[in-house]
Amino acid sequence: MTGLNDAMMRRLLPRGAAGLALTTLGFVALSAPASASTPSDMHYGWWTQAAAGGLGGAIAPDVPADGLLVQNSPSAPVAMAAISFSVPDGGTATIKLDTAGHPVMTQPPQACLLTSPFTPSEGGAWTDRPTYDCKAPLAGQASGTSITFAATSLARGGRVAVAILAVGAGDRIAFAKPVVDIQAPPPQQAVAPEPVPQPGGVVDTGATVPPIPAPAFVPGVINVGPPPAPTSAVAPPPVAAVPNTLPRVITRATPSSLRGKVGTYLGMALLLAAIVYWADGFGVIALRTGGRSSLKASPG
């Protein structure tokens, strides 16, 4: 039995290690910041008035292969460069130019928006140069022997296409192959919805609440459970009218009640006779001829 367990562990350990490695790699891939890259569709070139039929490289030996050249006369540019590449939506772009040879630079060069396409060339004819618009130029930032352009603001329709021009009168600057740094936007992360307040101050977080089990019955202990759910009021059914089928009760006089009535009547009669007798004796009512009233009327 022990040998079987050991064999199972030997089989499961490589799988567990592979799963842990994949999980770790997935976590690193999700949490890693956006990486920098060079666009594969980058095009660049330079043109000069001294060139005749694309022979600029022969008259500017200080410009490296795949390099650039910008130059100003006291009145106007006599050599210019251009760079074009795509930028992902939400990404950033930086152009870095490293100087070569013995540059003459009184001011950092500037970048201007191109207004026409171009064909890449090294020391191309001045008549083949692209056109540009310098109403809102972007000045380069000098750091040691490098010039940097934060070109994100010059992107139009997902693409950066700029002309590089010298600024100072008489400046002449040769550059090595341009370097473009593209920072892709960070991956979108799922955001949990905000809890919605419910009536009574209860906040609905969207989580499923497990049902509360009913308390077990314990003899001798008062079990207090959750309050019963409110029941809806139900109107009682109508009650049908019940016919009056009870027999009518006829009250009959009993002998005792008759005797009471007879006694009452006799008592009243005797009382009335006594009153009459008393009145006749004192002469108020003359009923007897030999009464007191007739005695008072005779002489002697």
C-alpha atoms as a PDB file:
ATOM      1  CA  MET A   1       0.000   0.000   0.000  1.00  0.00           C
ATOM      2  CA  THR A   2       2.860   2.341   0.787  1.00  0.00           C
ATOM      3  CA  GLY A   3       4.480   1.616  -2.559  1.00  0.00           C
ATOM      4  CA  LEU A   4       1.228   2.509  -4.344  1.00  0.00           C
ATOM      5  CA  ASN A   5       1.017   5.836  -2.525  1.00  0.00           C
ATOM      6  CA  ASP A   6       4.616   6.640  -3.411  1.00  0.00           C
ATOM      7  CA  ALA A   7       3.977   5.882  -7.076  1.00  0.00           C
ATOM      8  CA  MET A   8       0.916   8.114  -7.112  1.00  0.00           C
ATOM      9  CA  MET A   9       2.868  10.957  -5.488  1.00  0.00           C
ATOM     10  CA  ARG A  10       5.672  10.622  -8.081  1.00  0.00           C
ATOM     11  CA  ARG A  11       3.086  10.885 -10.857  1.00  0.00           C
ATOM     12  CA  LEU A  12       1.199  13.824  -9.340  1.00  0.00           C
ATOM     13  CA  LEU A  13       4.187  15.975  -8.325  1.00  0.00           C
ATOM     14  CA  PRO A  14       5.325  16.846 -11.906  1.00  0.00           C
ATOM     15  CA  ARG A  15       1.753  17.785 -12.831  1.00  0.00           C
ATOM     16  CA  GLY A  16       1.373  19.945  -9.757  1.00  0.00           C
ATOM     17  CA  ALA A  17       4.694  21.672 -10.431  1.00  0.00           C
ATOM     18  CA  ALA A  18       3.701  22.306 -14.057  1.00  0.00           C
ATOM     19  CA  GLY A  19       0.335  23.731 -12.978  1.00  0.00           C
ATOM     20  CA  LEU A  20       2.028  25.990 -10.431  1.00  0.00           C
ATOM     21  CA  ALA A  21       4.496  27.197 -13.065  1.00  0.00           C
ATOM     22  CA  LEU A  22       1.707  27.991 -15.534  1.00  0.00           C
ATOM     23  CA  THR A  23      -0.264  29.809 -12.827  1.00  0.00           C
ATOM     24  CA  THR A  24       2.800  31.853 -11.872  1.00  0.00           C
ATOM     25  CA  LEU A  25       3.557  32.729 -15.481  1.00  0.00           C
ATOM     26  CA  GLY A  26      -0.063  33.723 -16.034  1.00  0.00           C
ATOM     27  CA  PHE A  27       0.027  35.952 -12.961  1.00  0.00           C
ATOM     28  CA  VAL A  28       3.274  37.586 -14.091  1.00  0.00           C
ATOM     29  CA  ALA A  29       1.866  38.122 -17.587  1.00  0.00           C
ATOM     30  CA  LEU A  30      -1.274  39.746 -16.221  1.00  0.00           C
ATOM     31  CA  SER A  31       0.509  41.925 -13.666  1.00  0.00           C
ATOM     32  CA  ALA A  32       3.501  42.965 -15.810  1.00  0.00           C
ATOM     33  CA  PRO A  33       3.516  46.572 -17.056  1.00  0.00           C
ATOM     34  CA  ALA A  34       3.212  47.465 -20.719  1.00  0.00           C
ATOM     35  CA  SER A  35       6.429  46.638 -22.603  1.00  0.00           C
ATOM     36  CA  ALA A  36       8.342  48.874 -24.984  1.00  0.00           C
ATOM     37  CA  SER A  37       8.862  47.946 -28.619  1.00  0.00           C
ATOM     38  CA  THR A  38      10.052  49.361 -31.923  1.00  0.00           C
ATOM     39  CA  PRO A  39       7.374  49.598 -34.626  1.00  0.00           C
ATOM     40  CA  SER A  40       7.961  47.267 -37.547  1.00  0.00           C
ATOM     41  CA  ASP A  41       6.470  49.754 -40.044  1.00  0.00           C
ATOM     42  CA  MET A  42       8.884  52.598 -39.224  1.00  0.00           C
ATOM     43  CA  HIS A  43      10.139  54.558 -42.267  1.00  0.00           C
ATOM     44  CA  TYR A  44      12.723  57.345 -42.280  1.00  0.00           C
ATOM     45  CA  GLY A  45      15.081  59.249 -44.572  1.00  0.00           C
ATOM     46  CA  TRP A  46      16.891  62.540 -45.171  1.00  0.00           C
ATOM     47  CA  TRP A  47      17.253  64.972 -48.069  1.00  0.00           C
ATOM     48  CA  THR A  48      19.753  67.734 -48.817  1.00  0.00           C
ATOM     49  CA  GLN A  49      20.188  70.566 -51.316  1.00  0.00           C
ATOM     50  CA  ALA A  50      23.766  69.399 -51.939  1.00  0.00           C
ATOM     51  CA  ALA A  51      22.594  66.078 -53.307  1.00  0.00           C
ATOM     52  CA  ALA A  52      22.218  65.461 -57.021  1.00  0.00           C
ATOM     53  CA  GLY A  53      20.284  62.362 -57.872  1.00  0.00           C
ATOM     54  CA  GLY A  54      20.559  60.812 -54.396  1.00  0.00           C
ATOM     55  CA  LEU A  55      24.305  61.205 -53.911  1.00  0.00           C
ATOM     56  CA  GLY A  56      23.968  62.871 -50.504  1.00  0.00           C
ATOM     57  CA  GLY A  57      25.810  60.070 -48.735  1.00  0.00           C
ATOM     58  CA  ALA A  58      28.923  60.723 -50.829  1.00  0.00           C
ATOM     59  CA  ILE A  59      29.033  64.416 -49.883  1.00  0.00           C
ATOM     60  CA  ALA A  60      28.237  63.787 -46.149  1.00  0.00           C
ATOM     61  CA  PRO A  61      30.618  61.042 -45.003  1.00  0.00           C
ATOM     62  CA  ASP A  62      30.025  61.878 -41.320  1.00  0.00           C
ATOM     63  CA  VAL A  63      26.433  60.583 -41.528  1.00  0.00           C
ATOM     64  CA  PRO A  64      26.333  56.891 -40.448  1.00  0.00           C
ATOM     65  CA  ALA A  65      24.584  54.235 -42.515  1.00  0.00           C
ATOM     66  CA  ASP A  66      20.827  54.366 -41.841  1.00  0.00           C
ATOM     67  CA  GLY A  67      21.481  57.726 -40.146  1.00  0.00           C
ATOM     68  CA  LEU A  68      19.967  61.195 -40.602  1.00  0.00           C
ATOM     69  CA  LEU A  69      21.167  64.735 -41.274  1.00  0.00           C
ATOM     70  CA  VAL A  70      19.578  68.130 -40.559  1.00  0.00           C
ATOM     71  CA  GLN A  71      21.218  71.437 -41.442  1.00  0.00           C
ATOM     72  CA  ASN A  72      20.365  75.132 -41.590  1.00  0.00           C
ATOM     73  CA  SER A  73      21.820  77.962 -43.637  1.00  0.00           C
ATOM     74  CA  PRO A  74      21.607  81.444 -42.157  1.00  0.00           C
ATOM     75  CA  SER A  75      18.243  81.866 -43.890  1.00  0.00           C
ATOM     76  CA  ALA A  76      16.593  78.443 -44.500  1.00  0.00           C
ATOM     77  CA  PRO A  77      17.022  74.672 -44.114  1.00  0.00           C
ATOM     78  CA  VAL A  78      19.415  72.968 -46.524  1.00  0.00           C
ATOM     79  CA  ALA A  79      18.991  69.428 -45.144  1.00  0.00           C
ATOM     80  CA  MET A  80      16.022  67.793 -43.356  1.00  0.00           C
ATOM     81  CA  ALA A  81      14.915  64.359 -42.136  1.00  0.00           C
ATOM     82  CA  ALA A  82      11.533  62.614 -41.749  1.00  0.00           C
ATOM     83  CA  ILE A  83      10.241  59.698 -39.644  1.00  0.00           C
ATOM     84  CA  SER A  84       6.901  57.853 -39.870  1.00  0.00           C
ATOM     85  CA  PHE A  85       5.490  54.946 -37.769  1.00  0.00           C
ATOM     86  CA  SER A  86       2.218  53.675 -36.298  1.00  0.00           C
ATOM     87  CA  VAL A  87       1.070  54.049 -32.662  1.00  0.00           C
ATOM     88  CA  PRO A  88      -1.566  51.811 -31.012  1.00  0.00           C
ATOM     89  CA  ASP A  89      -4.653  53.472 -29.629  1.00  0.00           C
ATOM     90  CA  GLY A  90      -3.885  54.645 -26.091  1.00  0.00           C
ATOM     91  CA  GLY A  91      -0.144  54.046 -26.454  1.00  0.00           C
ATOM     92  CA  THR A  92       2.755  56.500 -26.187  1.00  0.00           C
ATOM     93  CA  ALA A  93       5.614  57.172 -28.608  1.00  0.00           C
ATOM     94  CA  THR A  94       9.113  58.563 -28.035  1.00  0.00           C
ATOM     95  CA  ILE A  95      11.716  59.324 -30.712  1.00  0.00           C
ATOM     96  CA  LYS A  96      15.373  59.209 -29.662  1.00  0.00           C
ATOM     97  CA  LEU A  97      18.161  60.524 -31.899  1.00  0.00           C
ATOM     98  CA  ASP A  98      21.825  60.014 -30.936  1.00  0.00           C
ATOM     99  CA  THR A  99      24.240  62.524 -32.447  1.00  0.00           C
ATOM    100  CA  ALA A 100      27.199  61.304 -34.550  1.00  0.00           C
ATOM    101  CA  GLY A 101      30.495  62.838 -35.627  1.00  0.00           C
ATOM    102  CA  HIS A 102      31.067  66.477 -34.642  1.00  0.00           C
ATOM    103  CA  PRO A 103      27.646  68.157 -34.616  1.00  0.00           C
ATOM    104  CA  VAL A 104      27.202  71.939 -34.634  1.00  0.00           C
ATOM    105  CA  MET A 105      24.104  72.580 -32.492  1.00  0.00           C
ATOM    106  CA  THR A 106      23.212  75.878 -30.854  1.00  0.00           C
ATOM    107  CA  GLN A 107      19.605  74.774 -30.223  1.00  0.00           C
ATOM    108  CA  PRO A 108      17.907  71.380 -30.114  1.00  0.00           C
ATOM    109  CA  PRO A 109      16.152  70.507 -33.391  1.00  0.00           C
ATOM    110  CA  GLN A 110      12.353  70.472 -33.669  1.00  0.00           C
ATOM    111  CA  ALA A 111       9.685  68.137 -35.060  1.00  0.00           C
ATOM    112  CA  CYS A 112       6.847  69.322 -37.342  1.00  0.00           C
ATOM    113  CA  LEU A 113       3.846  67.508 -38.791  1.00  0.00           C
ATOM    114  CA  LEU A 114       4.277  66.123 -42.306  1.00  0.00           C
ATOM    115  CA  THR A 115       1.641  67.146 -44.845  1.00  0.00           C
ATOM    116  CA  SER A 116       2.665  64.688 -47.595  1.00  0.00           C
ATOM    117  CA  PRO A 117       3.965  61.085 -47.767  1.00  0.00           C
ATOM    118  CA  PHE A 118       7.588  60.284 -48.612  1.00  0.00           C
ATOM    119  CA  THR A 119       9.782  57.541 -49.999  1.00  0.00           C
ATOM    120  CA  PRO A 120      12.637  56.532 -47.644  1.00  0.00           C
ATOM    121  CA  SER A 121      15.966  57.881 -48.891  1.00  0.00           C
ATOM    122  CA  GLU A 122      19.521  58.543 -47.635  1.00  0.00           C
ATOM    123  CA  GLY A 123      20.730  61.906 -48.944  1.00  0.00           C
ATOM    124  CA  GLY A 124      17.839  62.186 -51.364  1.00  0.00           C
ATOM    125  CA  ALA A 125      17.334  65.057 -53.774  1.00  0.00           C
ATOM    126  CA  TRP A 126      15.920  68.227 -52.260  1.00  0.00           C
ATOM    127  CA  THR A 127      13.063  68.213 -54.726  1.00  0.00           C
ATOM    128  CA  ASP A 128      11.914  64.804 -53.416  1.00  0.00           C
ATOM    129  CA  ARG A 129      11.602  65.934 -49.805  1.00  0.00           C
ATOM    130  CA  PRO A 130       8.138  65.762 -48.134  1.00  0.00           C
ATOM    131  CA  THR A 131       6.229  68.912 -47.184  1.00  0.00           C
ATOM    132  CA  TYR A 132       5.517  69.843 -43.563  1.00  0.00           C
ATOM    133  CA  ASP A 133       3.668  72.300 -41.311  1.00  0.00           C
ATOM    134  CA  CYS A 134       5.576  74.031 -38.487  1.00  0.00           C
ATOM    135  CA  LYS A 135       2.750  76.135 -37.033  1.00  0.00           C
ATOM    136  CA  ALA A 136       2.976  74.136 -33.782  1.00  0.00           C
ATOM    137  CA  PRO A 137       6.465  72.578 -33.654  1.00  0.00           C
ATOM    138  CA  LEU A 138       7.601  70.162 -30.960  1.00  0.00           C
ATOM    139  CA  ALA A 139      11.012  71.067 -29.513  1.00  0.00           C
ATOM    140  CA  GLY A 140      13.460  68.261 -28.826  1.00  0.00           C
ATOM    141  CA  GLN A 141      14.865  67.651 -25.358  1.00  0.00           C
ATOM    142  CA  ALA A 142      18.683  67.474 -25.248  1.00  0.00           C
ATOM    143  CA  SER A 143      20.345  65.099 -22.784  1.00  0.00           C
ATOM    144  CA  GLY A 144      24.061  64.513 -23.253  1.00  0.00           C
ATOM    145  CA  THR A 145      24.530  63.487 -26.884  1.00  0.00           C
ATOM    146  CA  SER A 146      20.889  62.498 -27.407  1.00  0.00           C
ATOM    147  CA  ILE A 147      17.782  64.380 -28.543  1.00  0.00           C
ATOM    148  CA  THR A 148      14.385  63.052 -27.442  1.00  0.00           C
ATOM    149  CA  PHE A 149      10.920  63.883 -28.798  1.00  0.00           C
ATOM    150  CA  ALA A 150       7.753  62.947 -26.888  1.00  0.00           C
ATOM    151  CA  ALA A 151       5.848  62.395 -30.120  1.00  0.00           C
ATOM    152  CA  THR A 152       2.523  61.113 -28.759  1.00  0.00           C
ATOM    153  CA  SER A 153       0.921  64.536 -29.201  1.00  0.00           C
ATOM    154  CA  LEU A 154       1.865  64.487 -32.903  1.00  0.00           C
ATOM    155  CA  ALA A 155      -0.048  61.248 -33.640  1.00  0.00           C
ATOM    156  CA  ARG A 156      -2.825  61.601 -36.200  1.00  0.00           C
ATOM    157  CA  GLY A 157      -5.085  58.690 -37.059  1.00  0.00           C
ATOM    158  CA  GLY A 158      -2.918  56.171 -35.209  1.00  0.00           C
ATOM    159  CA  ARG A 159       0.297  57.270 -36.912  1.00  0.00           C
ATOM    160  CA  VAL A 160       3.177  59.661 -36.237  1.00  0.00           C
ATOM    161  CA  ALA A 161       4.673  61.324 -39.354  1.00  0.00           C
ATOM    162  CA  VAL A 162       7.056  64.199 -38.600  1.00  0.00           C
ATOM    163  CA  ALA A 163       9.842  66.218 -40.187  1.00  0.00           C
ATOM    164  CA  ILE A 164      13.037  66.810 -38.157  1.00  0.00           C
ATOM    165  CA  LEU A 165      14.552  70.279 -38.742  1.00  0.00           C
ATOM    166  CA  ALA A 166      17.531  72.206 -37.352  1.00  0.00           C
ATOM    167  CA  VAL A 167      16.624  75.407 -35.492  1.00  0.00           C
ATOM    168  CA  GLY A 168      19.752  77.445 -34.940  1.00  0.00           C
ATOM    169  CA  ALA A 169      21.176  79.362 -37.918  1.00  0.00           C
ATOM    170  CA  GLY A 170      24.170  77.428 -39.279  1.00  0.00           C
ATOM    171  CA  ASP A 171      23.447  74.290 -37.183  1.00  0.00           C
ATOM    172  CA  ARG A 172      24.485  70.990 -38.719  1.00  0.00           C
ATOM    173  CA  ILE A 173      23.659  67.767 -36.854  1.00  0.00           C
ATOM    174  CA  ALA A 174      24.223  64.192 -37.993  1.00  0.00           C
ATOM    175  CA  PHE A 175      22.384  61.377 -36.193  1.00  0.00           C
ATOM    176  CA  ALA A 176      22.718  57.605 -35.958  1.00  0.00           C
ATOM    177  CA  LYS A 177      19.814  55.336 -36.848  1.00  0.00           C
ATOM    178  CA  PRO A 178      16.675  56.665 -35.117  1.00  0.00           C
ATOM    179  CA  VAL A 179      15.194  54.724 -32.210  1.00  0.00           C
ATOM    180  CA  VAL A 180      11.413  54.763 -31.606  1.00  0.00           C
ATOM    181  CA  ASP A 181      10.029  53.556 -28.281  1.00  0.00           C
ATOM    182  CA  ILE A 182       6.337  52.538 -28.250  1.00  0.00           C
ATOM    183  CA  GLN A 183       4.620  51.964 -24.929  1.00  0.00           C
ATOM    184  CA  ALA A 184       1.459  49.900 -25.420  1.00  0.00           C
ATOM    185  CA  PRO A 185      -1.540  50.734 -23.226  1.00  0.00           C
ATOM    186  CA  PRO A 186      -1.877  48.608 -20.066  1.00  0.00           C
ATOM    187  CA  PRO A 187      -4.353  45.708 -20.252  1.00  0.00           C
ATOM    188  CA  GLN A 188      -7.853  46.460 -19.152  1.00  0.00           C
ATOM    189  CA  GLN A 189      -8.749  45.036 -15.759  1.00  0.00           C
ATOM    190  CA  ALA A 190     -12.213  43.981 -14.762  1.00  0.00           C
ATOM    191  CA  VAL A 191     -13.789  46.353 -12.265  1.00  0.00           C
ATOM    192  CA  ALA A 192     -16.329  45.014  -9.812  1.00  0.00           C
ATOM    193  CA  PRO A 193     -19.621  46.898  -9.874  1.00  0.00           C
ATOM    194  CA  GLU A 194     -20.326  49.169  -6.982  1.00  0.00           C
ATOM    195  CA  PRO A 195     -22.818  47.819  -4.449  1.00  0.00           C
ATOM    196  CA  VAL A 196     -26.334  49.137  -4.939  1.00  0.00           C
ATOM    197  CA  PRO A 197     -28.039  50.415  -1.764  1.00  0.00           C
ATOM    198  CA  GLN A 198     -31.374  48.735  -1.133  1.00  0.00           C
ATOM    199  CA  PRO A 199     -34.344  49.986   0.921  1.00  0.00           C
ATOM    200  CA  GLY A 200     -33.743  49.751   4.624  1.00  0.00           C
ATOM    201  CA  GLY A 201     -30.022  50.513   4.408  1.00  0.00           C
ATOM    202  CA  VAL A 202     -29.103  47.037   3.091  1.00  0.00           C
ATOM    203  CA  VAL A 203     -26.327  47.060   0.490  1.00  0.00           C
ATOM    204  CA  ASP A 204     -26.612  44.542  -2.331  1.00  0.00           C
ATOM    205  CA  THR A 205     -23.079  43.348  -3.127  1.00  0.00           C
ATOM    206  CA  GLY A 206     -24.220  40.782  -5.673  1.00  0.00           C
ATOM    207  CA  ALA A 207     -22.929  37.899  -3.556  1.00  0.00           C
ATOM    208  CA  THR A 208     -25.119  34.857  -3.011  1.00  0.00           C
ATOM    209  CA  VAL A 209     -26.034  34.450   0.644  1.00  0.00           C
ATOM    210  CA  PRO A 210     -26.451  30.810   1.679  1.00  0.00           C
ATOM    211  CA  PRO A 211     -29.725  29.963   3.413  1.00  0.00           C
ATOM    212  CA  ILE A 212     -29.692  29.926   7.214  1.00  0.00           C
ATOM    213  CA  PRO A 213     -30.474  26.424   8.486  1.00  0.00           C
ATOM    214  CA  ALA A 214     -33.288  26.041  11.002  1.00  0.00           C
ATOM    215  CA  PRO A 215     -32.078  25.564  14.600  1.00  0.00           C
ATOM    216  CA  ALA A 216     -32.132  22.031  15.865  1.00  0.00           C
ATOM    217  CA  PHE A 217     -34.689  21.207  18.547  1.00  0.00           C
ATOM    218  CA  VAL A 218     -33.149  20.659  21.965  1.00  0.00           C
ATOM    219  CA  PRO A 219     -35.420  19.370  24.779  1.00  0.00           C
ATOM    220  CA  GLY A 220     -35.634  21.730  27.711  1.00  0.00           C
ATOM    221  CA  VAL A 221     -34.211  24.662  25.761  1.00  0.00           C
ATOM    222  CA  ILE A 222     -36.251  27.464  24.273  1.00  0.00           C
ATOM    223  CA  ASN A 223     -35.458  27.435  20.573  1.00  0.00           C
ATOM    224  CA  VAL A 224     -35.531  30.877  19.021  1.00  0.00           C
ATOM    225  CA  GLY A 225     -35.609  30.722  15.266  1.00  0.00           C
ATOM    226  CA  PRO A 226     -35.753  33.409  12.603  1.00  0.00           C
ATOM    227  CA  PRO A 227     -38.912  35.516  12.565  1.00  0.00           C
ATOM    228  CA  PRO A 228     -41.653  34.055  10.360  1.00  0.00           C
ATOM    229  CA  ALA A 229     -42.024  35.506   6.922  1.00  0.00           C
ATOM    230  CA  PRO A 230     -44.830  38.044   6.672  1.00  0.00           C
ATOM    231  CA  THR A 231     -47.973  36.620   5.143  1.00  0.00           C
ATOM    232  CA  SER A 232     -50.242  38.593   2.925  1.00  0.00           C
ATOM    233  CA  ALA A 233     -53.662  39.481   4.323  1.00  0.00           C
ATOM    234  CA  VAL A 234     -56.381  37.282   2.822  1.00  0.00           C
ATOM    235  CA  ALA A 235     -59.980  38.448   3.011  1.00  0.00           C
ATOM    236  CA  PRO A 236     -62.290  35.885   4.711  1.00  0.00           C
ATOM    237  CA  PRO A 237     -64.868  34.230   2.479  1.00  0.00           C
ATOM    238  CA  PRO A 238     -68.368  35.736   2.596  1.00  0.00           C
ATOM    239  CA  VAL A 239     -70.736  34.130   5.111  1.00  0.00           C
ATOM    240  CA  ALA A 240     -74.090  33.080   3.720  1.00  0.00           C
ATOM    241  CA  ALA A 241     -77.208  34.281   5.571  1.00  0.00           C
ATOM    242  CA  VAL A 242     -78.609  31.581   7.879  1.00  0.00           C
ATOM    243  CA  PRO A 243     -82.404  31.434   7.901  1.00  0.00           C
ATOM    244  CA  ASN A 244     -84.059  31.854  11.274  1.00  0.00           C
ATOM    245  CA  THR A 245     -85.378  28.357  11.950  1.00  0.00           C
ATOM    246  CA  LEU A 246     -85.626  28.685  15.723  1.00  0.00           C
ATOM    247  CA  PRO A 247     -89.183  27.976  17.123  1.00  0.00           C
ATOM    248  CA  ARG A 248     -91.137  30.911  18.507  1.00  0.00           C
ATOM    249  CA  VAL A 249     -91.430  30.851  22.265  1.00  0.00           C
ATOM    250  CA  ILE A 250     -94.914  31.664  23.664  1.00  0.00           C
ATOM    251  CA  THR A 251     -94.847  32.960  27.207  1.00  0.00           C
ATOM    252  CA  ARG A 252     -97.730  31.784  29.384  1.00  0.00           C
ATOM    253  CA  ALA A 253     -98.667  33.139  32.764  1.00  0.00           C
ATOM    254  CA  THR A 254     -97.946  30.856  35.664  1.00  0.00           C
ATOM    255  CA  PRO A 255    -100.294  30.500  38.733  1.00  0.00           C
ATOM    256  CA  SER A 256     -97.885  32.367  40.931  1.00  0.00           C
ATOM    257  CA  SER A 257     -97.932  35.375  38.658  1.00  0.00           C
ATOM    258  CA  LEU A 258    -101.783  35.365  38.650  1.00  0.00           C
ATOM    259  CA  ARG A 259    -101.951  35.286  42.424  1.00  0.00           C
ATOM    260  CA  GLY A 260     -99.619  38.235  42.609  1.00  0.00           C
ATOM    261  CA  LYS A 261    -101.788  40.261  40.274  1.00  0.00           C
ATOM    262  CA  VAL A 262    -105.026  39.399  42.180  1.00  0.00           C
ATOM    263  CA  GLY A 263    -103.460  40.363  45.478  1.00  0.00           C
ATOM    264  CA  THR A 264    -102.316  43.669  44.027  1.00  0.00           C
ATOM    265  CA  TYR A 265    -105.793  44.458  42.762  1.00  0.00           C
ATOM    266  CA  LEU A 266    -107.452  43.547  46.113  1.00  0.00           C
ATOM    267  CA  GLY A 267    -105.013  45.666  48.043  1.00  0.00           C
ATOM    268  CA  MET A 268    -105.718  48.642  45.867  1.00  0.00           C
ATOM    269  CA  ALA A 269    -109.497  48.144  46.316  1.00  0.00           C
ATOM    270  CA  LEU A 270    -109.217  48.016  50.113  1.00  0.00           C
ATOM    271  CA  LEU A 271    -107.104  51.095  50.186  1.00  0.00           C
ATOM    272  CA  LEU A 272    -109.629  52.947  48.063  1.00  0.00           C
ATOM    273  CA  ALA A 273    -112.502  51.844  50.385  1.00  0.00           C
ATOM    274  CA  ALA A 274    -110.594  53.058  53.421  1.00  0.00           C
ATOM    275  CA  ILE A 275    -110.042  56.436  51.857  1.00  0.00           C
ATOM    276  CA  VAL A 276    -113.749  56.751  51.020  1.00  0.00           C
ATOM    277  CA  TYR A 277    -114.757  55.752  54.501  1.00  0.00           C
ATOM    278  CA  TRP A 278    -112.443  58.259  56.079  1.00  0.00           C
ATOM    279  CA  ALA A 279    -113.686  61.051  53.857  1.00  0.00           C
ATOM    280  CA  ASP A 280    -117.330  60.258  54.644  1.00  0.00           C
ATOM    281  CA  GLY A 281    -116.699  60.261  58.393  1.00  0.00           C
ATOM    282  CA  PHE A 282    -115.314  63.795  58.308  1.00  0.00           C
ATOM    283  CA  GLY A 283    -117.974  65.209  56.041  1.00  0.00           C
ATOM    284  CA  VAL A 284    -115.969  65.608  52.969  1.00  0.00           C
ATOM    285  CA  ILE A 285    -118.090  63.104  50.984  1.00  0.00           C
ATOM    286  CA  ALA A 286    -121.706  62.608  52.137  1.00  0.00           C
ATOM    287  CA  LEU A 287    -122.378  58.925  51.721  1.00  0.00           C
ATOM    288  CA  ARG A 288    -124.010  58.008  55.026  1.00  0.00           C
ATOM    289  CA  THR A 289    -127.128  59.717  56.308  1.00  0.00           C
ATOM    290  CA  GLY A 290    -126.374  59.119  59.884  1.00  0.00           C
ATOM    291  CA  GLY A 291    -122.856  60.297  59.631  1.00  0.00           C
ATOM    292  CA  ARG A 292    -121.064  63.056  61.387  1.00  0.00           C
ATOM    293  CA  SER A 293    -122.137  65.606  58.824  1.00  0.00           C
ATOM    294  CA  SER A 294    -125.873  64.982  59.487  1.00  0.00           C
ATOM    295  CA  LEU A 295    -125.407  65.191  63.297  1.00  0.00           C
ATOM    296  CA  LYS A 296    -123.818  68.579  63.035  1.00  0.00           C
ATOM    297  CA  ALA A 297    -126.819  69.895  61.108  1.00  0.00           C
ATOM    298  CA  SER A 298    -129.632  68.931  63.675  1.00  0.00           C
ATOM    299  CA  PRO A 299    -130.380  71.213  66.707  1.00  0.00           C
ATOM    300  CA  GLY A 300    -129.558  70.270  70.277  1.00  0.00           C
END
